[in-house]
Amino acid sequence: MEKFLKVGVITSAHGVRGEVKVYPTTDDPERFLDLDAVILEKGGKREEHAIRGVKFFKNMVILKLEGIDSMNDAERFRQWDLMIPREKGVPLAEGEYYQADLIDMEVLLEDGSHFGIVRDIIETGANDVYAVETETYGEVLIPNIKPCIMKVDIEAGTMVVHLLPGLVDLNRK
């Protein structure tokens, strides 16, 4: 299980006072108002910065972070991820999961046989779609809908799926 959760990505500097423009990767961007600090991460480097201000502009979040005081300082963090400790994450309802917990999860078929590994999650608006890497069929896209996703066990690191007709090319076997 991931120790940190990604809540956004810095896309650019905003203004001359060191504010950063953040693309939120959380369902509720207003959650930034409840955070005291974030961890900036890129290439194995991590830096914690206190949040000194939060504003919203269109689909972006504008953050003023302690220790980033100029446009040049802010530009240095372009494309860095914003992480928070798991315990600061939004409480989940039953049947909800953090996306970070699903990446690299083993996917099993109903009979318990290995099918593949979740490599990506595609957000479509209606429902998420899991991109599963398989040895037999290549990449298989499985929608996160009740008829397909039978069970997710975060602790065991497994997802049990039912393959609806048309999800895999049986001629590729």
N, C-alpha and C. Protein backbone atom coordinates (compact mmCIF):
# COMPACT_ATOMS: atom_id res chain seq x y z
N MET A 1 0.83 -1.17 0.00
CA MET A 1 0.00 0.00 0.00
C MET A 1 0.88 1.25 0.00
N GLU A 2 0.50 2.21 -0.80
CA GLU A 2 1.27 3.43 -0.91
C GLU A 2 1.23 4.23 0.39
N LYS A 3 2.38 4.78 0.76
CA LYS A 3 2.48 5.59 1.98
C LYS A 3 2.01 7.02 1.74
N PHE A 4 2.14 7.49 0.48
CA PHE A 4 1.75 8.84 0.11
C PHE A 4 0.73 8.78 -1.01
N LEU A 5 -0.14 9.78 -1.06
CA LEU A 5 -1.15 9.87 -2.10
C LEU A 5 -0.90 11.13 -2.93
N LYS A 6 -1.02 10.99 -4.23
CA LYS A 6 -0.83 12.12 -5.14
C LYS A 6 -2.12 12.93 -5.20
N VAL A 7 -2.02 14.24 -4.97
CA VAL A 7 -3.20 15.10 -5.01
C VAL A 7 -3.12 16.15 -6.12
N GLY A 8 -1.99 16.22 -6.80
CA GLY A 8 -1.87 17.19 -7.88
C GLY A 8 -0.50 17.19 -8.51
N VAL A 9 -0.38 17.98 -9.59
CA VAL A 9 0.88 18.16 -10.31
C VAL A 9 1.05 19.65 -10.59
N ILE A 10 2.23 20.17 -10.31
CA ILE A 10 2.51 21.58 -10.60
C ILE A 10 2.71 21.71 -12.11
N THR A 11 1.92 22.60 -12.73
CA THR A 11 2.03 22.78 -14.18
C THR A 11 2.89 23.98 -14.55
N SER A 12 2.90 25.01 -13.69
CA SER A 12 3.69 26.21 -14.01
C SER A 12 3.70 27.16 -12.82
N ALA A 13 4.51 28.21 -12.98
CA ALA A 13 4.48 29.31 -12.01
C ALA A 13 3.24 30.14 -12.28
N HIS A 14 2.78 30.86 -11.27
CA HIS A 14 1.63 31.75 -11.42
C HIS A 14 2.01 33.09 -10.80
N GLY A 15 2.26 34.06 -11.64
CA GLY A 15 2.64 35.38 -11.14
C GLY A 15 4.11 35.44 -10.75
N VAL A 16 4.47 36.54 -10.11
CA VAL A 16 5.89 36.79 -9.79
C VAL A 16 6.23 36.54 -8.33
N ARG A 17 5.25 36.18 -7.51
CA ARG A 17 5.50 36.00 -6.07
C ARG A 17 5.72 34.55 -5.65
N GLY A 18 5.91 33.67 -6.63
CA GLY A 18 6.23 32.29 -6.29
C GLY A 18 5.05 31.36 -6.15
N GLU A 19 3.86 31.80 -6.54
CA GLU A 19 2.72 30.89 -6.51
C GLU A 19 2.88 29.86 -7.62
N VAL A 20 2.30 28.67 -7.40
CA VAL A 20 2.36 27.62 -8.41
C VAL A 20 0.94 27.25 -8.82
N LYS A 21 0.80 26.93 -10.12
CA LYS A 21 -0.46 26.49 -10.66
C LYS A 21 -0.45 24.96 -10.61
N VAL A 22 -1.50 24.38 -10.02
CA VAL A 22 -1.56 22.94 -9.79
C VAL A 22 -2.76 22.34 -10.51
N TYR A 23 -2.50 21.25 -11.25
CA TYR A 23 -3.60 20.46 -11.80
C TYR A 23 -3.96 19.43 -10.73
N PRO A 24 -5.17 19.52 -10.16
CA PRO A 24 -5.52 18.60 -9.08
C PRO A 24 -5.82 17.20 -9.62
N THR A 25 -5.34 16.19 -8.92
CA THR A 25 -5.62 14.80 -9.27
C THR A 25 -6.51 14.16 -8.21
N THR A 26 -7.21 14.99 -7.48
CA THR A 26 -8.15 14.56 -6.46
C THR A 26 -9.55 14.89 -6.93
N ASP A 27 -10.53 14.12 -6.47
CA ASP A 27 -11.92 14.36 -6.87
C ASP A 27 -12.45 15.70 -6.36
N ASP A 28 -11.88 16.19 -5.27
CA ASP A 28 -12.38 17.41 -4.64
C ASP A 28 -11.24 18.41 -4.45
N PRO A 29 -11.01 19.30 -5.43
CA PRO A 29 -9.92 20.27 -5.32
C PRO A 29 -10.03 21.17 -4.08
N GLU A 30 -11.21 21.36 -3.55
CA GLU A 30 -11.37 22.20 -2.36
C GLU A 30 -10.70 21.60 -1.13
N ARG A 31 -10.30 20.33 -1.23
CA ARG A 31 -9.61 19.69 -0.10
C ARG A 31 -8.28 20.36 0.19
N PHE A 32 -7.73 21.11 -0.78
CA PHE A 32 -6.49 21.85 -0.55
C PHE A 32 -6.66 22.87 0.58
N LEU A 33 -7.90 23.34 0.78
CA LEU A 33 -8.17 24.29 1.85
C LEU A 33 -7.94 23.68 3.23
N ASP A 34 -8.03 22.36 3.33
CA ASP A 34 -7.88 21.66 4.61
C ASP A 34 -6.46 21.17 4.86
N LEU A 35 -5.56 21.34 3.89
CA LEU A 35 -4.19 20.85 4.04
C LEU A 35 -3.28 21.93 4.61
N ASP A 36 -2.40 21.53 5.51
CA ASP A 36 -1.41 22.45 6.07
C ASP A 36 -0.13 22.46 5.26
N ALA A 37 0.19 21.31 4.62
CA ALA A 37 1.46 21.17 3.89
C ALA A 37 1.30 20.11 2.81
N VAL A 38 2.21 20.14 1.85
CA VAL A 38 2.28 19.11 0.81
C VAL A 38 3.75 18.72 0.65
N ILE A 39 3.94 17.55 0.09
CA ILE A 39 5.28 17.07 -0.21
C ILE A 39 5.44 17.14 -1.72
N LEU A 40 6.43 17.89 -2.17
CA LEU A 40 6.72 17.96 -3.60
C LEU A 40 7.68 16.83 -3.92
N GLU A 41 7.40 16.09 -5.01
CA GLU A 41 8.19 14.91 -5.33
C GLU A 41 8.45 14.81 -6.82
N LYS A 42 9.70 14.50 -7.15
CA LYS A 42 10.06 14.24 -8.54
C LYS A 42 11.40 13.53 -8.57
N GLY A 43 11.48 12.46 -9.32
CA GLY A 43 12.74 11.75 -9.50
C GLY A 43 13.39 11.29 -8.21
N GLY A 44 12.59 10.87 -7.24
CA GLY A 44 13.14 10.39 -5.98
C GLY A 44 13.45 11.49 -4.98
N LYS A 45 13.34 12.74 -5.38
CA LYS A 45 13.56 13.86 -4.45
C LYS A 45 12.22 14.25 -3.84
N ARG A 46 12.26 14.60 -2.56
CA ARG A 46 11.06 15.05 -1.86
C ARG A 46 11.38 16.28 -1.04
N GLU A 47 10.46 17.24 -1.06
CA GLU A 47 10.58 18.45 -0.25
C GLU A 47 9.21 18.76 0.33
N GLU A 48 9.15 18.97 1.63
CA GLU A 48 7.89 19.35 2.26
C GLU A 48 7.80 20.87 2.33
N HIS A 49 6.62 21.39 1.98
CA HIS A 49 6.38 22.83 2.01
C HIS A 49 5.03 23.09 2.67
N ALA A 50 5.01 24.03 3.60
CA ALA A 50 3.76 24.46 4.22
C ALA A 50 2.95 25.25 3.19
N ILE A 51 1.64 25.11 3.26
CA ILE A 51 0.74 25.86 2.37
C ILE A 51 0.39 27.17 3.06
N ARG A 52 0.66 28.29 2.37
CA ARG A 52 0.39 29.62 2.92
C ARG A 52 -0.81 30.29 2.27
N GLY A 53 -1.29 29.73 1.16
CA GLY A 53 -2.45 30.31 0.49
C GLY A 53 -3.00 29.38 -0.57
N VAL A 54 -4.33 29.39 -0.74
CA VAL A 54 -5.01 28.56 -1.74
C VAL A 54 -6.02 29.41 -2.47
N LYS A 55 -5.98 29.39 -3.80
CA LYS A 55 -6.97 30.05 -4.64
C LYS A 55 -7.38 29.07 -5.74
N PHE A 56 -8.50 29.34 -6.37
CA PHE A 56 -8.99 28.48 -7.44
C PHE A 56 -9.18 29.32 -8.69
N PHE A 57 -8.76 28.76 -9.84
CA PHE A 57 -8.92 29.44 -11.12
C PHE A 57 -9.26 28.39 -12.16
N LYS A 58 -10.49 28.45 -12.67
CA LYS A 58 -11.00 27.45 -13.62
C LYS A 58 -10.84 26.07 -13.02
N ASN A 59 -10.15 25.17 -13.70
CA ASN A 59 -9.99 23.80 -13.18
C ASN A 59 -8.66 23.62 -12.43
N MET A 60 -8.01 24.72 -12.10
CA MET A 60 -6.70 24.67 -11.46
C MET A 60 -6.76 25.20 -10.03
N VAL A 61 -5.73 24.83 -9.26
CA VAL A 61 -5.57 25.33 -7.90
C VAL A 61 -4.28 26.15 -7.89
N ILE A 62 -4.33 27.33 -7.32
CA ILE A 62 -3.16 28.18 -7.20
C ILE A 62 -2.70 28.11 -5.74
N LEU A 63 -1.47 27.66 -5.53
CA LEU A 63 -0.94 27.52 -4.17
C LEU A 63 0.22 28.47 -3.94
N LYS A 64 0.24 29.04 -2.75
CA LYS A 64 1.41 29.76 -2.26
C LYS A 64 2.05 28.84 -1.23
N LEU A 65 3.29 28.41 -1.53
CA LEU A 65 3.99 27.48 -0.66
C LEU A 65 5.15 28.17 0.02
N GLU A 66 5.35 27.84 1.29
CA GLU A 66 6.45 28.42 2.05
C GLU A 66 7.78 28.06 1.40
N GLY A 67 8.67 29.05 1.30
CA GLY A 67 10.00 28.82 0.75
C GLY A 67 10.09 28.95 -0.76
N ILE A 68 8.96 29.18 -1.42
CA ILE A 68 8.94 29.43 -2.87
C ILE A 68 8.44 30.86 -3.03
N ASP A 69 9.39 31.78 -3.27
CA ASP A 69 9.06 33.20 -3.16
C ASP A 69 9.22 34.00 -4.45
N SER A 70 9.59 33.35 -5.54
CA SER A 70 9.73 34.07 -6.80
C SER A 70 9.28 33.19 -7.95
N MET A 71 9.11 33.80 -9.11
CA MET A 71 8.72 33.05 -10.29
C MET A 71 9.79 32.00 -10.62
N ASN A 72 11.07 32.37 -10.46
CA ASN A 72 12.15 31.42 -10.73
C ASN A 72 12.10 30.22 -9.78
N ASP A 73 11.83 30.49 -8.50
CA ASP A 73 11.67 29.40 -7.53
C ASP A 73 10.54 28.47 -7.96
N ALA A 74 9.42 29.06 -8.34
CA ALA A 74 8.24 28.28 -8.72
C ALA A 74 8.50 27.45 -9.99
N GLU A 75 9.17 28.04 -10.98
CA GLU A 75 9.45 27.33 -12.24
C GLU A 75 10.31 26.08 -12.00
N ARG A 76 11.12 26.12 -10.99
CA ARG A 76 11.98 24.97 -10.67
C ARG A 76 11.15 23.72 -10.34
N PHE A 77 9.90 23.92 -9.90
CA PHE A 77 9.05 22.80 -9.47
C PHE A 77 8.04 22.38 -10.53
N ARG A 78 8.18 22.89 -11.74
CA ARG A 78 7.28 22.49 -12.84
C ARG A 78 7.33 20.97 -13.00
N GLN A 79 6.17 20.35 -13.11
CA GLN A 79 5.98 18.91 -13.28
C GLN A 79 6.33 18.07 -12.05
N TRP A 80 6.46 18.69 -10.90
CA TRP A 80 6.63 17.94 -9.65
C TRP A 80 5.24 17.52 -9.17
N ASP A 81 5.15 16.34 -8.57
CA ASP A 81 3.91 15.84 -7.99
C ASP A 81 3.71 16.42 -6.61
N LEU A 82 2.46 16.66 -6.24
CA LEU A 82 2.11 17.06 -4.88
C LEU A 82 1.56 15.84 -4.17
N MET A 83 2.21 15.46 -3.09
CA MET A 83 1.84 14.26 -2.35
C MET A 83 1.43 14.66 -0.93
N ILE A 84 0.61 13.81 -0.33
CA ILE A 84 0.25 13.97 1.07
C ILE A 84 0.38 12.61 1.74
N PRO A 85 0.63 12.58 3.05
CA PRO A 85 0.63 11.30 3.74
C PRO A 85 -0.75 10.64 3.66
N ARG A 86 -0.79 9.32 3.55
CA ARG A 86 -2.05 8.59 3.44
C ARG A 86 -3.06 8.99 4.52
N GLU A 87 -2.57 9.20 5.74
CA GLU A 87 -3.49 9.52 6.84
C GLU A 87 -4.18 10.87 6.65
N LYS A 88 -3.68 11.71 5.74
CA LYS A 88 -4.30 13.01 5.44
C LYS A 88 -5.31 12.88 4.29
N GLY A 89 -5.43 11.68 3.73
CA GLY A 89 -6.34 11.46 2.62
C GLY A 89 -7.79 11.57 3.05
N VAL A 90 -8.66 11.78 2.08
CA VAL A 90 -10.08 11.87 2.33
C VAL A 90 -10.59 10.49 2.75
N PRO A 91 -11.39 10.42 3.81
CA PRO A 91 -11.95 9.12 4.19
C PRO A 91 -12.78 8.53 3.05
N LEU A 92 -12.64 7.24 2.85
CA LEU A 92 -13.32 6.57 1.74
C LEU A 92 -14.56 5.84 2.23
N ALA A 93 -15.58 5.85 1.39
CA ALA A 93 -16.78 5.06 1.67
C ALA A 93 -16.50 3.61 1.28
N GLU A 94 -17.34 2.71 1.73
CA GLU A 94 -17.17 1.31 1.38
C GLU A 94 -17.22 1.16 -0.14
N GLY A 95 -16.30 0.38 -0.68
CA GLY A 95 -16.24 0.17 -2.12
C GLY A 95 -15.45 1.22 -2.87
N GLU A 96 -14.90 2.21 -2.17
CA GLU A 96 -14.05 3.21 -2.80
C GLU A 96 -12.59 2.91 -2.49
N TYR A 97 -11.70 3.30 -3.41
CA TYR A 97 -10.28 3.02 -3.27
C TYR A 97 -9.49 4.21 -3.77
N TYR A 98 -8.30 4.37 -3.23
CA TYR A 98 -7.38 5.35 -3.80
C TYR A 98 -6.80 4.74 -5.06
N GLN A 99 -6.72 5.52 -6.12
CA GLN A 99 -6.18 5.00 -7.38
C GLN A 99 -4.78 4.45 -7.20
N ALA A 100 -3.98 5.09 -6.36
CA ALA A 100 -2.60 4.63 -6.14
C ALA A 100 -2.56 3.19 -5.65
N ASP A 101 -3.60 2.74 -4.95
CA ASP A 101 -3.62 1.38 -4.43
C ASP A 101 -3.95 0.35 -5.51
N LEU A 102 -4.51 0.81 -6.63
CA LEU A 102 -4.89 -0.11 -7.70
C LEU A 102 -3.77 -0.32 -8.73
N ILE A 103 -2.90 0.66 -8.88
CA ILE A 103 -1.81 0.54 -9.84
C ILE A 103 -0.89 -0.60 -9.40
N ASP A 104 -0.53 -1.45 -10.33
CA ASP A 104 0.32 -2.64 -10.12
C ASP A 104 -0.39 -3.75 -9.35
N MET A 105 -1.71 -3.66 -9.21
CA MET A 105 -2.48 -4.70 -8.55
C MET A 105 -2.64 -5.90 -9.48
N GLU A 106 -2.56 -7.11 -8.91
CA GLU A 106 -2.77 -8.33 -9.69
C GLU A 106 -4.25 -8.51 -9.99
N VAL A 107 -4.55 -8.84 -11.24
CA VAL A 107 -5.93 -9.06 -11.67
C VAL A 107 -6.12 -10.56 -11.87
N LEU A 108 -7.16 -11.09 -11.22
CA LEU A 108 -7.48 -12.51 -11.30
C LEU A 108 -8.82 -12.69 -12.00
N LEU A 109 -8.97 -13.82 -12.67
CA LEU A 109 -10.27 -14.17 -13.23
C LEU A 109 -11.10 -14.82 -12.13
N GLU A 110 -12.37 -15.04 -12.42
CA GLU A 110 -13.29 -15.61 -11.43
C GLU A 110 -12.82 -16.95 -10.89
N ASP A 111 -12.11 -17.72 -11.72
CA ASP A 111 -11.64 -19.04 -11.27
C ASP A 111 -10.34 -18.95 -10.45
N GLY A 112 -9.87 -17.73 -10.21
CA GLY A 112 -8.67 -17.53 -9.41
C GLY A 112 -7.38 -17.52 -10.21
N SER A 113 -7.47 -17.74 -11.53
CA SER A 113 -6.25 -17.74 -12.36
C SER A 113 -5.77 -16.32 -12.62
N HIS A 114 -4.46 -16.19 -12.77
CA HIS A 114 -3.83 -14.89 -13.03
C HIS A 114 -4.25 -14.41 -14.42
N PHE A 115 -4.67 -13.14 -14.51
CA PHE A 115 -5.03 -12.54 -15.80
C PHE A 115 -4.04 -11.46 -16.21
N GLY A 116 -3.65 -10.60 -15.26
CA GLY A 116 -2.74 -9.51 -15.61
C GLY A 116 -2.50 -8.58 -14.44
N ILE A 117 -1.99 -7.38 -14.78
CA ILE A 117 -1.62 -6.36 -13.79
C ILE A 117 -2.22 -5.03 -14.21
N VAL A 118 -2.85 -4.31 -13.27
CA VAL A 118 -3.37 -2.97 -13.55
C VAL A 118 -2.18 -2.04 -13.73
N ARG A 119 -2.08 -1.42 -14.90
CA ARG A 119 -0.96 -0.51 -15.18
C ARG A 119 -1.38 0.95 -15.23
N ASP A 120 -2.68 1.21 -15.49
CA ASP A 120 -3.13 2.59 -15.60
C ASP A 120 -4.62 2.65 -15.31
N ILE A 121 -5.10 3.83 -14.96
CA ILE A 121 -6.52 4.06 -14.76
C ILE A 121 -6.90 5.23 -15.64
N ILE A 122 -7.89 5.01 -16.48
CA ILE A 122 -8.35 6.03 -17.41
C ILE A 122 -9.68 6.57 -16.90
N GLU A 123 -9.74 7.87 -16.69
CA GLU A 123 -10.97 8.49 -16.21
C GLU A 123 -11.78 8.92 -17.42
N THR A 124 -12.99 8.36 -17.56
CA THR A 124 -13.81 8.63 -18.73
C THR A 124 -14.97 9.57 -18.47
N GLY A 125 -15.25 9.83 -17.21
CA GLY A 125 -16.40 10.65 -16.87
C GLY A 125 -17.53 9.76 -16.35
N ALA A 126 -17.90 8.74 -17.10
CA ALA A 126 -18.97 7.83 -16.66
C ALA A 126 -18.45 6.89 -15.58
N ASN A 127 -17.33 6.27 -15.86
CA ASN A 127 -16.69 5.36 -14.89
C ASN A 127 -15.23 5.23 -15.28
N ASP A 128 -14.41 4.85 -14.33
CA ASP A 128 -13.00 4.62 -14.63
C ASP A 128 -12.86 3.35 -15.45
N VAL A 129 -11.77 3.28 -16.19
CA VAL A 129 -11.44 2.08 -16.97
C VAL A 129 -10.03 1.68 -16.57
N TYR A 130 -9.86 0.40 -16.23
CA TYR A 130 -8.56 -0.11 -15.82
C TYR A 130 -7.84 -0.69 -17.03
N ALA A 131 -6.64 -0.19 -17.29
CA ALA A 131 -5.79 -0.73 -18.35
C ALA A 131 -4.97 -1.85 -17.72
N VAL A 132 -5.26 -3.09 -18.13
CA VAL A 132 -4.63 -4.27 -17.55
C VAL A 132 -3.66 -4.85 -18.57
N GLU A 133 -2.41 -5.01 -18.14
CA GLU A 133 -1.38 -5.61 -18.99
C GLU A 133 -1.44 -7.12 -18.82
N THR A 134 -1.66 -7.82 -19.94
CA THR A 134 -1.73 -9.28 -19.89
C THR A 134 -0.69 -9.88 -20.82
N GLU A 135 -0.26 -11.09 -20.53
CA GLU A 135 0.69 -11.78 -21.41
C GLU A 135 -0.02 -12.29 -22.66
N THR A 136 -1.25 -12.75 -22.51
CA THR A 136 -1.97 -13.38 -23.61
C THR A 136 -2.60 -12.39 -24.57
N TYR A 137 -3.25 -11.34 -24.04
CA TYR A 137 -4.04 -10.44 -24.88
C TYR A 137 -3.46 -9.04 -25.03
N GLY A 138 -2.28 -8.79 -24.50
CA GLY A 138 -1.74 -7.43 -24.51
C GLY A 138 -2.50 -6.58 -23.51
N GLU A 139 -2.74 -5.32 -23.85
CA GLU A 139 -3.48 -4.44 -22.95
C GLU A 139 -4.98 -4.68 -23.10
N VAL A 140 -5.65 -4.91 -21.98
CA VAL A 140 -7.09 -5.10 -21.97
C VAL A 140 -7.70 -3.99 -21.12
N LEU A 141 -8.72 -3.33 -21.65
CA LEU A 141 -9.40 -2.26 -20.93
C LEU A 141 -10.66 -2.82 -20.27
N ILE A 142 -10.70 -2.70 -18.95
CA ILE A 142 -11.82 -3.25 -18.18
C ILE A 142 -12.53 -2.12 -17.47
N PRO A 143 -13.83 -1.90 -17.78
CA PRO A 143 -14.55 -0.81 -17.13
C PRO A 143 -14.82 -1.12 -15.66
N ASN A 144 -14.76 -0.09 -14.84
CA ASN A 144 -15.07 -0.24 -13.41
C ASN A 144 -16.59 -0.19 -13.25
N ILE A 145 -17.22 -1.30 -13.59
CA ILE A 145 -18.67 -1.45 -13.43
C ILE A 145 -18.92 -2.76 -12.71
N LYS A 146 -20.04 -2.83 -11.99
CA LYS A 146 -20.33 -4.01 -11.16
C LYS A 146 -20.28 -5.34 -11.91
N PRO A 147 -20.78 -5.43 -13.14
CA PRO A 147 -20.70 -6.73 -13.81
C PRO A 147 -19.26 -7.19 -14.09
N CYS A 148 -18.30 -6.28 -14.14
CA CYS A 148 -16.91 -6.63 -14.45
C CYS A 148 -16.05 -6.78 -13.20
N ILE A 149 -16.12 -5.83 -12.30
CA ILE A 149 -15.25 -5.83 -11.11
C ILE A 149 -16.00 -6.53 -9.98
N MET A 150 -15.58 -7.74 -9.69
CA MET A 150 -16.30 -8.55 -8.70
C MET A 150 -15.81 -8.30 -7.28
N LYS A 151 -14.48 -8.12 -7.13
CA LYS A 151 -13.93 -7.94 -5.79
C LYS A 151 -12.58 -7.23 -5.90
N VAL A 152 -12.34 -6.29 -4.99
CA VAL A 152 -11.04 -5.64 -4.87
C VAL A 152 -10.59 -5.85 -3.42
N ASP A 153 -9.42 -6.45 -3.28
CA ASP A 153 -8.85 -6.69 -1.94
C ASP A 153 -7.54 -5.92 -1.85
N ILE A 154 -7.62 -4.73 -1.27
CA ILE A 154 -6.45 -3.85 -1.17
C ILE A 154 -5.34 -4.54 -0.38
N GLU A 155 -5.68 -5.18 0.73
CA GLU A 155 -4.67 -5.83 1.58
C GLU A 155 -3.94 -6.94 0.83
N ALA A 156 -4.68 -7.74 0.06
CA ALA A 156 -4.06 -8.85 -0.68
C ALA A 156 -3.44 -8.37 -1.99
N GLY A 157 -3.81 -7.17 -2.43
CA GLY A 157 -3.28 -6.64 -3.69
C GLY A 157 -3.86 -7.32 -4.91
N THR A 158 -5.15 -7.73 -4.81
CA THR A 158 -5.78 -8.44 -5.93
C THR A 158 -7.15 -7.85 -6.28
N MET A 159 -7.49 -8.02 -7.55
CA MET A 159 -8.79 -7.63 -8.07
C MET A 159 -9.31 -8.83 -8.85
N VAL A 160 -10.56 -9.22 -8.57
CA VAL A 160 -11.18 -10.33 -9.30
C VAL A 160 -12.14 -9.73 -10.31
N VAL A 161 -12.01 -10.17 -11.58
CA VAL A 161 -12.84 -9.60 -12.65
C VAL A 161 -13.61 -10.69 -13.39
N HIS A 162 -14.71 -10.26 -13.96
CA HIS A 162 -15.50 -11.08 -14.88
C HIS A 162 -15.36 -10.42 -16.24
N LEU A 163 -14.88 -11.17 -17.22
CA LEU A 163 -14.68 -10.60 -18.56
C LEU A 163 -15.97 -10.70 -19.36
N LEU A 164 -16.57 -9.56 -19.59
CA LEU A 164 -17.78 -9.52 -20.42
C LEU A 164 -17.41 -9.83 -21.87
N PRO A 165 -18.34 -10.39 -22.64
CA PRO A 165 -18.05 -10.66 -24.06
C PRO A 165 -17.57 -9.39 -24.76
N GLY A 166 -16.53 -9.53 -25.56
CA GLY A 166 -16.00 -8.42 -26.33
C GLY A 166 -14.84 -7.69 -25.67
N LEU A 167 -14.56 -7.97 -24.40
CA LEU A 167 -13.44 -7.28 -23.73
C LEU A 167 -12.08 -7.80 -24.18
N VAL A 168 -12.02 -9.06 -24.58
CA VAL A 168 -10.75 -9.61 -25.08
C VAL A 168 -10.98 -10.21 -26.45
N ASP A 169 -9.94 -10.20 -27.25
CA ASP A 169 -9.96 -10.80 -28.59
C ASP A 169 -9.55 -12.25 -28.45
N LEU A 170 -10.52 -13.15 -28.44
CA LEU A 170 -10.24 -14.57 -28.23
C LEU A 170 -9.38 -15.17 -29.33
N ASN A 171 -9.33 -14.54 -30.50
CA ASN A 171 -8.49 -15.04 -31.60
C ASN A 171 -7.01 -14.79 -31.33
N ARG A 172 -6.70 -13.96 -30.35
CA ARG A 172 -5.33 -13.61 -30.06
C ARG A 172 -4.65 -14.62 -29.13
N LYS A 173 -5.43 -15.54 -28.61
CA LYS A 173 -4.93 -16.52 -27.64
C LYS A 173 -3.89 -17.45 -28.20
